[in-house]
Amino acid sequence: MLHVTCDLCGKELRGGEDQHYVVRIEAYAVGDPAEITEADLDQDHMEMVGQMLRECEENETEVDLVEPYKNFRFDLCSECHKRFLQDPMARERDQKFDFSKN
């Protein structure tokens, strides 16, 4: 038997007894489609790549590679699903501050 727990509150979700929801999120880089010009075609791109590699080796810096595509899957109980639908980006939660009056 498959054991599923809510990814937000940790409640165990029993198959057939508890309502359970799956939330899937995709995150990917979007670039503006660039128009290819004659100047682009005239450039030596292999030389540019070689120069970039030489600079990385000389500087010995790590290159931050951003994943172009990432997907997420979350299992949610009924209550967490309701909260997610009301505020999917958690904006309200992040903006609540409890400052004391001095």
PDB file of N, CA and C in Angstrom:
ATOM      1  N   MET A   1       0.836  -1.182   0.000  1.00  0.00           N
ATOM      2  CA  MET A   1       0.000   0.000   0.000  1.00  0.00           C
ATOM      3  C   MET A   1       0.883   1.247   0.000  1.00  0.00           C
ATOM      4  N   LEU A   2       0.509   2.214  -0.769  1.00  0.00           N
ATOM      5  CA  LEU A   2       1.242   3.464  -0.891  1.00  0.00           C
ATOM      6  C   LEU A   2       0.858   4.400   0.255  1.00  0.00           C
ATOM      7  N   HIS A   3       1.861   4.925   0.958  1.00  0.00           N
ATOM      8  CA  HIS A   3       1.616   5.865   2.054  1.00  0.00           C
ATOM      9  C   HIS A   3       1.896   7.270   1.543  1.00  0.00           C
ATOM     10  N   VAL A   4       0.911   8.148   1.683  1.00  0.00           N
ATOM     11  CA  VAL A   4       1.033   9.528   1.217  1.00  0.00           C
ATOM     12  C   VAL A   4       0.789  10.441   2.401  1.00  0.00           C
ATOM     13  N   THR A   5       1.618  11.473   2.523  1.00  0.00           N
ATOM     14  CA  THR A   5       1.411  12.490   3.548  1.00  0.00           C
ATOM     15  C   THR A   5       1.297  13.844   2.875  1.00  0.00           C
ATOM     16  N   CYS A   6       0.592  14.754   3.531  1.00  0.00           N
ATOM     17  CA  CYS A   6       0.446  16.114   3.017  1.00  0.00           C
ATOM     18  C   CYS A   6       1.812  16.787   3.075  1.00  0.00           C
ATOM     19  N   ASP A   7       2.228  17.382   1.972  1.00  0.00           N
ATOM     20  CA  ASP A   7       3.539  18.022   1.905  1.00  0.00           C
ATOM     21  C   ASP A   7       3.607  19.334   2.672  1.00  0.00           C
ATOM     22  N   LEU A   8       2.458  19.870   3.124  1.00  0.00           N
ATOM     23  CA  LEU A   8       2.486  21.093   3.920  1.00  0.00           C
ATOM     24  C   LEU A   8       2.378  20.820   5.409  1.00  0.00           C
ATOM     25  N   CYS A   9       1.377  20.058   5.820  1.00  0.00           N
ATOM     26  CA  CYS A   9       1.152  19.861   7.257  1.00  0.00           C
ATOM     27  C   CYS A   9       1.638  18.514   7.763  1.00  0.00           C
ATOM     28  N   GLY A  10       1.934  17.572   6.880  1.00  0.00           N
ATOM     29  CA  GLY A  10       2.449  16.271   7.300  1.00  0.00           C
ATOM     30  C   GLY A  10       1.388  15.247   7.658  1.00  0.00           C
ATOM     31  N   LYS A  11       0.124  15.597   7.512  1.00  0.00           N
ATOM     32  CA  LYS A  11      -0.963  14.665   7.843  1.00  0.00           C
ATOM     33  C   LYS A  11      -0.891  13.445   6.924  1.00  0.00           C
ATOM     34  N   GLU A  12      -1.075  12.243   7.500  1.00  0.00           N
ATOM     35  CA  GLU A  12      -1.101  11.031   6.691  1.00  0.00           C
ATOM     36  C   GLU A  12      -2.427  10.961   5.946  1.00  0.00           C
ATOM     37  N   LEU A  13      -2.354  10.717   4.653  1.00  0.00           N
ATOM     38  CA  LEU A  13      -3.549  10.653   3.810  1.00  0.00           C
ATOM     39  C   LEU A  13      -3.825   9.200   3.481  1.00  0.00           C
ATOM     40  N   ARG A  14      -4.949   8.710   3.946  1.00  0.00           N
ATOM     41  CA  ARG A  14      -5.315   7.312   3.747  1.00  0.00           C
ATOM     42  C   ARG A  14      -6.156   7.186   2.484  1.00  0.00           C
ATOM     43  N   GLY A  15      -5.746   6.311   1.594  1.00  0.00           N
ATOM     44  CA  GLY A  15      -6.455   6.092   0.336  1.00  0.00           C
ATOM     45  C   GLY A  15      -7.894   5.652   0.565  1.00  0.00           C
ATOM     46  N   GLY A  16      -8.839   6.287  -0.108  1.00  0.00           N
ATOM     47  CA  GLY A  16     -10.242   5.945   0.012  1.00  0.00           C
ATOM     48  C   GLY A  16     -10.943   6.618   1.181  1.00  0.00           C
ATOM     49  N   GLU A  17     -10.171   7.092   2.168  1.00  0.00           N
ATOM     50  CA  GLU A  17     -10.778   7.723   3.344  1.00  0.00           C
ATOM     51  C   GLU A  17     -10.612   9.242   3.322  1.00  0.00           C
ATOM     52  N   ASP A  18      -9.456   9.702   2.944  1.00  0.00           N
ATOM     53  CA  ASP A  18      -9.167  11.140   2.951  1.00  0.00           C
ATOM     54  C   ASP A  18      -9.151  11.683   1.525  1.00  0.00           C
ATOM     55  N   GLN A  19      -9.754  12.866   1.361  1.00  0.00           N
ATOM     56  CA  GLN A  19      -9.667  13.568   0.076  1.00  0.00           C
ATOM     57  C   GLN A  19      -8.243  14.082  -0.053  1.00  0.00           C
ATOM     58  N   HIS A  20      -7.655  13.928  -1.202  1.00  0.00           N
ATOM     59  CA  HIS A  20      -6.256  14.311  -1.373  1.00  0.00           C
ATOM     60  C   HIS A  20      -6.099  14.937  -2.746  1.00  0.00           C
ATOM     61  N   TYR A  21      -5.281  15.969  -2.817  1.00  0.00           N
ATOM     62  CA  TYR A  21      -5.093  16.749  -4.038  1.00  0.00           C
ATOM     63  C   TYR A  21      -3.623  16.733  -4.441  1.00  0.00           C
ATOM     64  N   VAL A  22      -3.389  16.821  -5.728  1.00  0.00           N
ATOM     65  CA  VAL A  22      -2.039  16.921  -6.262  1.00  0.00           C
ATOM     66  C   VAL A  22      -1.914  18.297  -6.918  1.00  0.00           C
ATOM     67  N   VAL A  23      -0.859  19.011  -6.541  1.00  0.00           N
ATOM     68  CA  VAL A  23      -0.561  20.315  -7.138  1.00  0.00           C
ATOM     69  C   VAL A  23       0.737  20.157  -7.901  1.00  0.00           C
ATOM     70  N   ARG A  24       0.731  20.535  -9.168  1.00  0.00           N
ATOM     71  CA  ARG A  24       1.935  20.483 -10.005  1.00  0.00           C
ATOM     72  C   ARG A  24       2.289  21.898 -10.431  1.00  0.00           C
ATOM     73  N   ILE A  25       3.562  22.199 -10.346  1.00  0.00           N
ATOM     74  CA  ILE A  25       4.053  23.531 -10.700  1.00  0.00           C
ATOM     75  C   ILE A  25       5.213  23.362 -11.667  1.00  0.00           C
ATOM     76  N   GLU A  26       5.211  24.157 -12.720  1.00  0.00           N
ATOM     77  CA  GLU A  26       6.310  24.185 -13.684  1.00  0.00           C
ATOM     78  C   GLU A  26       7.008  25.532 -13.590  1.00  0.00           C
ATOM     79  N   ALA A  27       8.317  25.509 -13.619  1.00  0.00           N
ATOM     80  CA  ALA A  27       9.102  26.739 -13.629  1.00  0.00           C
ATOM     81  C   ALA A  27      10.127  26.622 -14.748  1.00  0.00           C
ATOM     82  N   TYR A  28      10.106  27.580 -15.661  1.00  0.00           N
ATOM     83  CA  TYR A  28      11.056  27.533 -16.767  1.00  0.00           C
ATOM     84  C   TYR A  28      11.405  28.930 -17.227  1.00  0.00           C
ATOM     85  N   ALA A  29      12.594  29.043 -17.779  1.00  0.00           N
ATOM     86  CA  ALA A  29      13.084  30.324 -18.273  1.00  0.00           C
ATOM     87  C   ALA A  29      12.398  30.659 -19.592  1.00  0.00           C
ATOM     88  N   VAL A  30      12.038  31.904 -19.714  1.00  0.00           N
ATOM     89  CA  VAL A  30      11.401  32.370 -20.943  1.00  0.00           C
ATOM     90  C   VAL A  30      12.290  33.458 -21.526  1.00  0.00           C
ATOM     91  N   GLY A  31      12.671  33.274 -22.735  1.00  0.00           N
ATOM     92  CA  GLY A  31      13.485  34.278 -23.406  1.00  0.00           C
ATOM     93  C   GLY A  31      12.721  34.878 -24.569  1.00  0.00           C
ATOM     94  N   ASP A  32      13.033  36.105 -24.833  1.00  0.00           N
ATOM     95  CA  ASP A  32      12.427  36.744 -25.987  1.00  0.00           C
ATOM     96  C   ASP A  32      13.055  36.164 -27.239  1.00  0.00           C
ATOM     97  N   PRO A  33      12.242  35.762 -28.179  1.00  0.00           N
ATOM     98  CA  PRO A  33      12.831  35.235 -29.412  1.00  0.00           C
ATOM     99  C   PRO A  33      13.590  36.350 -30.129  1.00  0.00           C
ATOM    100  N   ALA A  34      14.872  36.137 -30.261  1.00  0.00           N
ATOM    101  CA  ALA A  34      15.706  37.157 -30.896  1.00  0.00           C
ATOM    102  C   ALA A  34      15.705  36.940 -32.406  1.00  0.00           C
ATOM    103  N   GLU A  35      15.795  38.024 -33.094  1.00  0.00           N
ATOM    104  CA  GLU A  35      15.867  37.963 -34.546  1.00  0.00           C
ATOM    105  C   GLU A  35      17.331  37.785 -34.941  1.00  0.00           C
ATOM    106  N   ILE A  36      17.611  36.851 -35.796  1.00  0.00           N
ATOM    107  CA  ILE A  36      18.982  36.612 -36.250  1.00  0.00           C
ATOM    108  C   ILE A  36      19.331  37.641 -37.320  1.00  0.00           C
ATOM    109  N   THR A  37      20.460  38.292 -37.082  1.00  0.00           N
ATOM    110  CA  THR A  37      20.907  39.314 -38.026  1.00  0.00           C
ATOM    111  C   THR A  37      22.132  38.800 -38.785  1.00  0.00           C
ATOM    112  N   GLU A  38      22.547  39.555 -39.787  1.00  0.00           N
ATOM    113  CA  GLU A  38      23.753  39.210 -40.546  1.00  0.00           C
ATOM    114  C   GLU A  38      24.972  39.225 -39.641  1.00  0.00           C
ATOM    115  N   ALA A  39      25.007  40.157 -38.697  1.00  0.00           N
ATOM    116  CA  ALA A  39      26.139  40.242 -37.768  1.00  0.00           C
ATOM    117  C   ALA A  39      26.231  38.975 -36.915  1.00  0.00           C
ATOM    118  N   ASP A  40      25.080  38.417 -36.511  1.00  0.00           N
ATOM    119  CA  ASP A  40      25.075  37.174 -35.737  1.00  0.00           C
ATOM    120  C   ASP A  40      25.677  36.030 -36.546  1.00  0.00           C
ATOM    121  N   LEU A  41      25.349  35.988 -37.809  1.00  0.00           N
ATOM    122  CA  LEU A  41      25.840  34.918 -38.672  1.00  0.00           C
ATOM    123  C   LEU A  41      27.336  35.052 -38.944  1.00  0.00           C
ATOM    124  N   ASP A  42      27.844  36.279 -38.904  1.00  0.00           N
ATOM    125  CA  ASP A  42      29.261  36.521 -39.175  1.00  0.00           C
ATOM    126  C   ASP A  42      30.151  36.231 -37.966  1.00  0.00           C
ATOM    127  N   GLN A  43      29.597  36.181 -36.764  1.00  0.00           N
ATOM    128  CA  GLN A  43      30.396  35.964 -35.559  1.00  0.00           C
ATOM    129  C   GLN A  43      30.908  34.528 -35.503  1.00  0.00           C
ATOM    130  N   ASP A  44      32.105  34.395 -34.925  1.00  0.00           N
ATOM    131  CA  ASP A  44      32.692  33.072 -34.713  1.00  0.00           C
ATOM    132  C   ASP A  44      32.293  32.617 -33.303  1.00  0.00           C
ATOM    133  N   HIS A  45      31.193  31.882 -33.208  1.00  0.00           N
ATOM    134  CA  HIS A  45      30.666  31.479 -31.913  1.00  0.00           C
ATOM    135  C   HIS A  45      31.569  30.477 -31.204  1.00  0.00           C
ATOM    136  N   MET A  46      32.263  29.637 -31.945  1.00  0.00           N
ATOM    137  CA  MET A  46      33.183  28.689 -31.323  1.00  0.00           C
ATOM    138  C   MET A  46      34.328  29.431 -30.642  1.00  0.00           C
ATOM    139  N   GLU A  47      34.783  30.501 -31.241  1.00  0.00           N
ATOM    140  CA  GLU A  47      35.842  31.303 -30.631  1.00  0.00           C
ATOM    141  C   GLU A  47      35.324  31.960 -29.349  1.00  0.00           C
ATOM    142  N   MET A  48      34.075  32.432 -29.367  1.00  0.00           N
ATOM    143  CA  MET A  48      33.489  33.036 -28.169  1.00  0.00           C
ATOM    144  C   MET A  48      33.394  32.016 -27.040  1.00  0.00           C
ATOM    145  N   VAL A  49      32.958  30.798 -27.341  1.00  0.00           N
ATOM    146  CA  VAL A  49      32.850  29.746 -26.330  1.00  0.00           C
ATOM    147  C   VAL A  49      34.233  29.400 -25.785  1.00  0.00           C
ATOM    148  N   GLY A  50      35.196  29.293 -26.660  1.00  0.00           N
ATOM    149  CA  GLY A  50      36.565  29.015 -26.230  1.00  0.00           C
ATOM    150  C   GLY A  50      37.094  30.102 -25.305  1.00  0.00           C
ATOM    151  N   GLN A  51      36.829  31.352 -25.629  1.00  0.00           N
ATOM    152  CA  GLN A  51      37.265  32.477 -24.795  1.00  0.00           C
ATOM    153  C   GLN A  51      36.596  32.407 -23.419  1.00  0.00           C
ATOM    154  N   MET A  52      35.315  32.086 -23.384  1.00  0.00           N
ATOM    155  CA  MET A  52      34.601  31.977 -22.110  1.00  0.00           C
ATOM    156  C   MET A  52      35.195  30.851 -21.257  1.00  0.00           C
ATOM    157  N   LEU A  53      35.522  29.723 -21.869  1.00  0.00           N
ATOM    158  CA  LEU A  53      36.122  28.614 -21.139  1.00  0.00           C
ATOM    159  C   LEU A  53      37.499  28.979 -20.588  1.00  0.00           C
ATOM    160  N   ARG A  54      38.285  29.693 -21.402  1.00  0.00           N
ATOM    161  CA  ARG A  54      39.611  30.127 -20.937  1.00  0.00           C
ATOM    162  C   ARG A  54      39.477  31.071 -19.749  1.00  0.00           C
ATOM    163  N   GLU A  55      38.520  31.994 -19.794  1.00  0.00           N
ATOM    164  CA  GLU A  55      38.313  32.933 -18.689  1.00  0.00           C
ATOM    165  C   GLU A  55      37.895  32.195 -17.422  1.00  0.00           C
ATOM    166  N   CYS A  56      37.049  31.186 -17.556  1.00  0.00           N
ATOM    167  CA  CYS A  56      36.621  30.405 -16.391  1.00  0.00           C
ATOM    168  C   CYS A  56      37.804  29.667 -15.781  1.00  0.00           C
ATOM    169  N   GLU A  57      38.656  29.091 -16.627  1.00  0.00           N
ATOM    170  CA  GLU A  57      39.828  28.370 -16.125  1.00  0.00           C
ATOM    171  C   GLU A  57      40.802  29.314 -15.443  1.00  0.00           C
ATOM    172  N   GLU A  58      40.988  30.500 -16.003  1.00  0.00           N
ATOM    173  CA  GLU A  58      41.909  31.465 -15.427  1.00  0.00           C
ATOM    174  C   GLU A  58      41.409  31.985 -14.092  1.00  0.00           C
ATOM    175  N   ASN A  59      40.138  32.266 -14.009  1.00  0.00           N
ATOM    176  CA  ASN A  59      39.563  32.826 -12.791  1.00  0.00           C
ATOM    177  C   ASN A  59      39.213  31.751 -11.773  1.00  0.00           C
ATOM    178  N   GLU A  60      39.173  30.497 -12.203  1.00  0.00           N
ATOM    179  CA  GLU A  60      38.799  29.374 -11.357  1.00  0.00           C
ATOM    180  C   GLU A  60      37.520  29.659 -10.580  1.00  0.00           C
ATOM    181  N   THR A  61      36.559  30.213 -11.248  1.00  0.00           N
ATOM    182  CA  THR A  61      35.273  30.491 -10.614  1.00  0.00           C
ATOM    183  C   THR A  61      34.273  29.443 -11.045  1.00  0.00           C
ATOM    184  N   GLU A  62      33.349  29.185 -10.143  1.00  0.00           N
ATOM    185  CA  GLU A  62      32.279  28.258 -10.488  1.00  0.00           C
ATOM    186  C   GLU A  62      31.217  29.016 -11.265  1.00  0.00           C
ATOM    187  N   VAL A  63      30.728  28.382 -12.278  1.00  0.00           N
ATOM    188  CA  VAL A  63      29.690  28.980 -13.096  1.00  0.00           C
ATOM    189  C   VAL A  63      28.347  28.553 -12.519  1.00  0.00           C
ATOM    190  N   ASP A  64      27.474  29.523 -12.245  1.00  0.00           N
ATOM    191  CA  ASP A  64      26.138  29.202 -11.762  1.00  0.00           C
ATOM    192  C   ASP A  64      25.276  28.800 -12.945  1.00  0.00           C
ATOM    193  N   LEU A  65      24.886  27.544 -12.952  1.00  0.00           N
ATOM    194  CA  LEU A  65      24.016  27.061 -14.011  1.00  0.00           C
ATOM    195  C   LEU A  65      22.586  27.052 -13.503  1.00  0.00           C
ATOM    196  N   VAL A  66      21.726  27.751 -14.179  1.00  0.00           N
ATOM    197  CA  VAL A  66      20.322  27.801 -13.813  1.00  0.00           C
ATOM    198  C   VAL A  66      19.599  26.736 -14.615  1.00  0.00           C
ATOM    199  N   GLU A  67      18.832  25.929 -13.915  1.00  0.00           N
ATOM    200  CA  GLU A  67      18.091  24.903 -14.622  1.00  0.00           C
ATOM    201  C   GLU A  67      17.049  25.572 -15.511  1.00  0.00           C
ATOM    202  N   PRO A  68      17.019  25.229 -16.789  1.00  0.00           N
ATOM    203  CA  PRO A  68      16.063  25.876 -17.688  1.00  0.00           C
ATOM    204  C   PRO A  68      14.628  25.415 -17.442  1.00  0.00           C
ATOM    205  N   TYR A  69      14.454  24.251 -16.822  1.00  0.00           N
ATOM    206  CA  TYR A  69      13.113  23.733 -16.591  1.00  0.00           C
ATOM    207  C   TYR A  69      13.103  22.928 -15.298  1.00  0.00           C
ATOM    208  N   LYS A  70      12.110  23.146 -14.476  1.00  0.00           N
ATOM    209  CA  LYS A  70      11.969  22.400 -13.228  1.00  0.00           C
ATOM    210  C   LYS A  70      10.480  22.215 -12.968  1.00  0.00           C
ATOM    211  N   ASN A  71      10.096  21.013 -12.563  1.00  0.00           N
ATOM    212  CA  ASN A  71       8.702  20.814 -12.197  1.00  0.00           C
ATOM    213  C   ASN A  71       8.634  20.261 -10.785  1.00  0.00           C
ATOM    214  N   PHE A  72       7.532  20.549 -10.112  1.00  0.00           N
ATOM    215  CA  PHE A  72       7.323  20.156  -8.738  1.00  0.00           C
ATOM    216  C   PHE A  72       5.968  19.455  -8.626  1.00  0.00           C
ATOM    217  N   ARG A  73       5.872  18.508  -7.689  1.00  0.00           N
ATOM    218  CA  ARG A  73       4.614  17.824  -7.418  1.00  0.00           C
ATOM    219  C   ARG A  73       4.431  17.784  -5.912  1.00  0.00           C
ATOM    220  N   PHE A  74       3.257  18.235  -5.458  1.00  0.00           N
ATOM    221  CA  PHE A  74       2.954  18.266  -4.039  1.00  0.00           C
ATOM    222  C   PHE A  74       1.629  17.555  -3.789  1.00  0.00           C
ATOM    223  N   ASP A  75       1.582  16.728  -2.755  1.00  0.00           N
ATOM    224  CA  ASP A  75       0.347  16.101  -2.302  1.00  0.00           C
ATOM    225  C   ASP A  75      -0.188  16.938  -1.154  1.00  0.00           C
ATOM    226  N   LEU A  76      -1.466  17.325  -1.220  1.00  0.00           N
ATOM    227  CA  LEU A  76      -2.052  18.176  -0.196  1.00  0.00           C
ATOM    228  C   LEU A  76      -3.334  17.568   0.354  1.00  0.00           C
ATOM    229  N   CYS A  77      -3.563  17.748   1.655  1.00  0.00           N
ATOM    230  CA  CYS A  77      -4.838  17.362   2.258  1.00  0.00           C
ATOM    231  C   CYS A  77      -5.876  18.430   1.896  1.00  0.00           C
ATOM    232  N   SER A  78      -7.128  18.199   2.244  1.00  0.00           N
ATOM    233  CA  SER A  78      -8.205  19.131   1.886  1.00  0.00           C
ATOM    234  C   SER A  78      -7.974  20.525   2.441  1.00  0.00           C
ATOM    235  N   GLU A  79      -7.571  20.607   3.719  1.00  0.00           N
ATOM    236  CA  GLU A  79      -7.386  21.925   4.345  1.00  0.00           C
ATOM    237  C   GLU A  79      -6.230  22.697   3.710  1.00  0.00           C
ATOM    238  N   CYS A  80      -5.127  22.039   3.492  1.00  0.00           N
ATOM    239  CA  CYS A  80      -3.975  22.708   2.870  1.00  0.00           C
ATOM    240  C   CYS A  80      -4.280  23.087   1.419  1.00  0.00           C
ATOM    241  N   HIS A  81      -5.066  22.263   0.740  1.00  0.00           N
ATOM    242  CA  HIS A  81      -5.469  22.572  -0.622  1.00  0.00           C
ATOM    243  C   HIS A  81      -6.310  23.849  -0.653  1.00  0.00           C
ATOM    244  N   LYS A  82      -7.236  23.994   0.293  1.00  0.00           N
ATOM    245  CA  LYS A  82      -8.059  25.215   0.372  1.00  0.00           C
ATOM    246  C   LYS A  82      -7.171  26.434   0.602  1.00  0.00           C
ATOM    247  N   ARG A  83      -6.217  26.318   1.545  1.00  0.00           N
ATOM    248  CA  ARG A  83      -5.308  27.446   1.817  1.00  0.00           C
ATOM    249  C   ARG A  83      -4.465  27.763   0.586  1.00  0.00           C
ATOM    250  N   PHE A  84      -4.019  26.744  -0.118  1.00  0.00           N
ATOM    251  CA  PHE A  84      -3.213  26.962  -1.324  1.00  0.00           C
ATOM    252  C   PHE A  84      -4.021  27.705  -2.381  1.00  0.00           C
ATOM    253  N   LEU A  85      -5.269  27.309  -2.590  1.00  0.00           N
ATOM    254  CA  LEU A  85      -6.094  27.966  -3.603  1.00  0.00           C
ATOM    255  C   LEU A  85      -6.382  29.423  -3.254  1.00  0.00           C
ATOM    256  N   GLN A  86      -6.467  29.757  -1.979  1.00  0.00           N
ATOM    257  CA  GLN A  86      -6.730  31.132  -1.563  1.00  0.00           C
ATOM    258  C   GLN A  86      -5.506  32.025  -1.753  1.00  0.00           C
ATOM    259  N   ASP A  87      -4.321  31.456  -1.621  1.00  0.00           N
ATOM    260  CA  ASP A  87      -3.088  32.242  -1.712  1.00  0.00           C
ATOM    261  C   ASP A  87      -1.957  31.377  -2.271  1.00  0.00           C
ATOM    262  N   PRO A  88      -2.000  31.053  -3.577  1.00  0.00           N
ATOM    263  CA  PRO A  88      -1.017  30.121  -4.144  1.00  0.00           C
ATOM    264  C   PRO A  88       0.436  30.584  -4.050  1.00  0.00           C
ATOM    265  N   MET A  89       0.661  31.865  -4.041  1.00  0.00           N
ATOM    266  CA  MET A  89       2.034  32.368  -3.976  1.00  0.00           C
ATOM    267  C   MET A  89       2.457  32.726  -2.546  1.00  0.00           C
ATOM    268  N   ALA A  90       1.614  32.446  -1.569  1.00  0.00           N
ATOM    269  CA  ALA A  90       1.880  32.707  -0.145  1.00  0.00           C
ATOM    270  C   ALA A  90       2.213  34.178   0.112  1.00  0.00           C
ATOM    271  N   ARG A  91       1.576  35.069  -0.609  1.00  0.00           N
ATOM    272  CA  ARG A  91       1.833  36.502  -0.430  1.00  0.00           C
ATOM    273  C   ARG A  91       1.300  37.005   0.894  1.00  0.00           C
ATOM    274  N   GLU A  92       0.098  36.593   1.266  1.00  0.00           N
ATOM    275  CA  GLU A  92      -0.475  37.053   2.526  1.00  0.00           C
ATOM    276  C   GLU A  92       0.348  36.577   3.706  1.00  0.00           C
ATOM    277  N   ARG A  93       0.777  35.333   3.676  1.00  0.00           N
ATOM    278  CA  ARG A  93       1.564  34.776   4.773  1.00  0.00           C
ATOM    279  C   ARG A  93       2.858  35.542   4.941  1.00  0.00           C
ATOM    280  N   ASP A  94       3.515  35.893   3.847  1.00  0.00           N
ATOM    281  CA  ASP A  94       4.801  36.577   3.912  1.00  0.00           C
ATOM    282  C   ASP A  94       4.673  38.034   4.333  1.00  0.00           C
ATOM    283  N   GLN A  95       3.497  38.636   4.192  1.00  0.00           N
ATOM    284  CA  GLN A  95       3.328  40.047   4.504  1.00  0.00           C
ATOM    285  C   GLN A  95       2.785  40.289   5.900  1.00  0.00           C
ATOM    286  N   LYS A  96       2.494  39.255   6.645  1.00  0.00           N
ATOM    287  CA  LYS A  96       1.954  39.432   7.992  1.00  0.00           C
ATOM    288  C   LYS A  96       3.110  39.620   8.976  1.00  0.00           C
ATOM    289  N   PHE A  97       3.122  40.779   9.602  1.00  0.00           N
ATOM    290  CA  PHE A  97       4.117  41.075  10.621  1.00  0.00           C
ATOM    291  C   PHE A  97       3.384  41.469  11.892  1.00  0.00           C
ATOM    292  N   ASP A  98       3.929  41.105  13.009  1.00  0.00           N
ATOM    293  CA  ASP A  98       3.341  41.441  14.294  1.00  0.00           C
ATOM    294  C   ASP A  98       4.311  42.326  15.043  1.00  0.00           C
ATOM    295  N   PHE A  99       4.261  43.628  14.734  1.00  0.00           N
ATOM    296  CA  PHE A  99       5.159  44.582  15.372  1.00  0.00           C
ATOM    297  C   PHE A  99       4.534  45.073  16.668  1.00  0.00           C
ATOM    298  N   SER A 100       5.349  45.191  17.688  1.00  0.00           N
ATOM    299  CA  SER A 100       4.846  45.747  18.937  1.00  0.00           C
ATOM    300  C   SER A 100       4.836  47.270  18.827  1.00  0.00           C
ATOM    301  N   LYS A 101       3.932  47.878  19.570  1.00  0.00           N
ATOM    302  CA  LYS A 101       3.850  49.361  19.560  1.00  0.00           C
ATOM    303  C   LYS A 101       4.760  49.893  20.653  1.00  0.00           C
ATOM    304  N   ASN A 102       5.813  50.577  20.254  1.00  0.00           N
ATOM    305  CA  ASN A 102       6.782  51.123  21.228  1.00  0.00           C
ATOM    306  C   ASN A 102       6.467  52.549  21.521  1.00  0.00           C
TER     307      ASN A 102
END
